[in-house]
């Protein structure tokens, strides 16, 4: 248990950073899968609600905008984990990551995107993207819990709820 308390943040950080970094190729190169998700599913849905173009290239929720936030999260998490005195970076990365991935989970659950993304060619990811998003959400939430002394300090409260 002591090892987990001392080093568990590394496993969580590496998992979250890996998922975000490996998705950057798809988001920054305009891959067909990413274009289908953002421009083929999400942008028409947003347009039907009166918000056309928010998921299109150049939109506030475009693939490149989301990818940029995922890159920032990864850098903050890795830098915060590598520098013991910079845990605040890890907390900021985990909080930002939790926000980014909460958006992804929302769009999987409450838009035509769906839990199992069915591509334009009829193939399905079998829910893999959604499962990874849930894992990232859990990883960021656990990182915030492990680093609760940092953000409780911002609130002026002692970090209680210690593991035995």
Protein backbone atom coordinates (compact mmCIF):
# COMPACT_ATOMS: atom_id res chain seq x y z
CA UNK A 1 0.00 0.00 0.00
CA UNK A 2 2.88 2.36 0.74
CA UNK A 3 4.30 1.83 -2.76
CA UNK A 4 0.93 2.70 -4.28
CA UNK A 5 0.69 5.90 -2.25
CA UNK A 6 4.21 6.91 -3.31
CA UNK A 7 4.17 5.77 -6.96
CA UNK A 8 0.54 5.33 -8.00
CA UNK A 9 0.52 8.79 -9.52
CA UNK A 10 3.07 7.60 -12.11
CA UNK A 11 0.86 4.77 -13.37
CA UNK A 12 -2.15 7.09 -13.61
CA UNK A 13 -0.11 9.86 -15.26
CA UNK A 14 1.40 7.51 -17.84
CA UNK A 15 -1.98 6.00 -18.70
CA UNK A 16 -3.72 9.38 -19.17
CA UNK A 17 -0.78 10.86 -21.09
CA UNK A 18 -0.53 7.75 -23.30
CA UNK A 19 -4.20 7.86 -24.25
CA UNK A 20 -4.11 11.58 -24.98
CA UNK A 21 -0.78 11.55 -26.84
CA UNK A 22 -1.62 8.56 -29.04
CA UNK A 23 -4.82 10.34 -30.14
CA UNK A 24 -2.91 13.43 -31.27
CA UNK A 25 -1.90 11.81 -34.56
CA UNK A 26 -5.56 11.39 -35.47
CA UNK A 27 -6.59 14.86 -34.33
CA UNK A 28 -3.71 16.80 -35.90
CA UNK A 29 -3.55 14.97 -39.26
CA UNK A 30 -7.24 15.13 -40.14
CA UNK A 31 -7.62 11.36 -40.23
CA UNK A 32 -10.86 9.98 -41.72
CA UNK A 33 -11.95 8.64 -38.31
CA UNK A 34 -11.52 12.01 -36.66
CA UNK A 35 -13.19 13.89 -39.52
CA UNK A 36 -16.13 11.50 -39.32
CA UNK A 37 -16.53 12.04 -35.57
CA UNK A 38 -16.12 15.82 -35.53
CA UNK A 39 -17.51 16.87 -38.93
CA UNK A 40 -19.70 13.89 -39.78
CA UNK A 41 -21.48 13.37 -36.46
CA UNK A 42 -20.90 16.18 -33.97
CA UNK A 43 -21.00 19.24 -36.24
CA UNK A 44 -24.35 18.34 -37.88
CA UNK A 45 -25.77 17.63 -34.40
CA UNK A 46 -24.56 21.03 -33.12
CA UNK A 47 -25.90 22.73 -36.26
CA UNK A 48 -29.33 21.22 -35.61
CA UNK A 49 -29.24 22.99 -32.24
CA UNK A 50 -28.27 26.31 -33.83
CA UNK A 51 -24.48 26.09 -33.37
CA UNK A 52 -23.07 25.35 -36.83
CA UNK A 53 -19.32 25.06 -37.26
CA UNK A 54 -18.28 24.55 -33.64
CA UNK A 55 -16.80 21.12 -34.43
CA UNK A 56 -15.63 22.01 -37.95
CA UNK A 57 -11.97 22.87 -38.64
CA UNK A 58 -11.37 26.23 -37.01
CA UNK A 59 -14.34 25.81 -34.65
CA UNK A 60 -13.95 26.18 -30.90
CA UNK A 61 -14.36 22.42 -30.42
CA UNK A 62 -12.49 21.30 -33.55
CA UNK A 63 -10.28 18.22 -33.43
CA UNK A 64 -7.15 20.40 -33.37
CA UNK A 65 -8.50 22.51 -30.49
CA UNK A 66 -9.33 19.41 -28.46
CA UNK A 67 -5.96 17.86 -29.38
CA UNK A 68 -4.16 21.00 -28.23
CA UNK A 69 -5.81 20.75 -24.81
CA UNK A 70 -4.94 17.06 -24.62
CA UNK A 71 -1.31 17.90 -25.37
CA UNK A 72 -1.28 20.59 -22.66
CA UNK A 73 -2.79 18.12 -20.18
CA UNK A 74 -0.14 15.53 -21.02
CA UNK A 75 2.73 18.00 -20.60
CA UNK A 76 1.37 19.27 -17.28
CA UNK A 77 0.85 15.74 -15.94
CA UNK A 78 4.27 14.48 -16.99
CA UNK A 79 6.11 17.59 -15.81
CA UNK A 80 4.26 17.53 -12.49
CA UNK A 81 5.07 13.85 -11.97
CA UNK A 82 8.73 14.26 -12.91
CA UNK A 83 9.40 17.25 -10.66
CA UNK A 84 8.47 16.43 -7.08
CA UNK A 85 8.20 20.10 -6.14
CA UNK A 86 5.84 20.82 -9.03
CA UNK A 87 2.84 18.78 -7.95
CA UNK A 88 0.71 21.81 -8.69
CA UNK A 89 1.34 21.15 -12.40
CA UNK A 90 0.01 17.62 -12.00
CA UNK A 91 -3.08 18.93 -10.22
CA UNK A 92 -3.70 21.49 -12.97
CA UNK A 93 -3.19 18.81 -15.63
CA UNK A 94 -5.54 16.38 -13.91
CA UNK A 95 -8.22 19.05 -13.46
CA UNK A 96 -7.97 20.18 -17.09
CA UNK A 97 -7.91 16.55 -18.24
CA UNK A 98 -11.03 15.82 -16.20
CA UNK A 99 -12.79 18.70 -17.95
CA UNK A 100 -11.69 17.67 -21.44
CA UNK A 101 -12.61 14.04 -20.98
CA UNK A 102 -15.93 14.88 -19.31
CA UNK A 103 -16.81 16.65 -22.55
CA UNK A 104 -15.86 13.57 -24.56
CA UNK A 105 -17.99 11.32 -22.35
CA UNK A 106 -20.91 13.74 -22.61
CA UNK A 107 -20.74 13.69 -26.42
CA UNK A 108 -20.58 9.88 -26.47
CA UNK A 109 -23.63 9.60 -24.23
CA UNK A 110 -25.89 12.44 -25.36
CA UNK A 111 -25.29 12.95 -29.08
CA UNK A 112 -25.63 10.82 -32.22
CA UNK A 113 -21.94 9.84 -31.77
CA UNK A 114 -22.95 7.06 -29.38
CA UNK A 115 -20.96 4.80 -27.09
CA UNK A 116 -19.85 2.53 -29.93
CA UNK A 117 -18.78 4.82 -32.77
CA UNK A 118 -20.03 3.46 -36.09
CA UNK A 119 -17.88 4.84 -38.90
CA UNK A 120 -19.08 5.90 -42.33
CA UNK A 121 -17.92 2.55 -43.76
CA UNK A 122 -20.12 0.68 -41.25
CA UNK A 123 -17.27 -0.50 -39.02
CA UNK A 124 -17.55 0.04 -35.28
CA UNK A 125 -14.97 0.67 -32.60
CA UNK A 126 -17.00 -1.54 -30.25
CA UNK A 127 -17.02 1.20 -27.62
CA UNK A 128 -13.22 1.40 -27.36
CA UNK A 129 -13.07 5.21 -27.46
CA UNK A 130 -15.75 5.47 -24.80
CA UNK A 131 -14.03 2.92 -22.55
CA UNK A 132 -10.72 4.77 -22.89
CA UNK A 133 -12.49 8.04 -22.08
CA UNK A 134 -13.95 6.51 -18.93
CA UNK A 135 -10.51 5.19 -17.95
CA UNK A 136 -8.97 8.64 -18.47
CA UNK A 137 -11.75 10.24 -16.41
CA UNK A 138 -11.10 7.80 -13.59
CA UNK A 139 -7.33 8.32 -13.88
CA UNK A 140 -7.66 12.11 -13.64
CA UNK A 141 -10.10 11.85 -10.73
CA UNK A 142 -7.73 9.51 -8.86
CA UNK A 143 -4.78 11.83 -9.53
CA UNK A 144 -6.77 14.70 -8.03
CA UNK A 145 -7.52 12.54 -5.01
CA UNK A 146 -3.87 11.50 -4.62
CA UNK A 147 -2.79 15.15 -4.87
CA UNK A 148 -5.64 16.47 -2.71
CA UNK A 149 -3.20 18.12 -0.28
CA UNK A 150 -2.26 20.57 -3.05
CA UNK A 151 -5.74 21.73 -3.93
CA UNK A 152 -7.05 21.47 -0.37
CA UNK A 153 -4.21 23.86 0.46
CA UNK A 154 -5.65 26.30 -2.08
CA UNK A 155 -8.97 26.03 -0.28
CA UNK A 156 -7.33 26.54 3.10
CA UNK A 157 -8.39 23.11 4.37
CA UNK A 158 -6.33 20.20 5.65
CA UNK A 159 -6.26 17.10 3.45
CA UNK A 160 -8.19 14.49 5.40
CA UNK A 161 -9.41 11.10 4.20
CA UNK A 162 -6.05 9.35 4.44
CA UNK A 163 -5.49 5.73 3.46
CA UNK A 164 -4.59 3.38 6.33
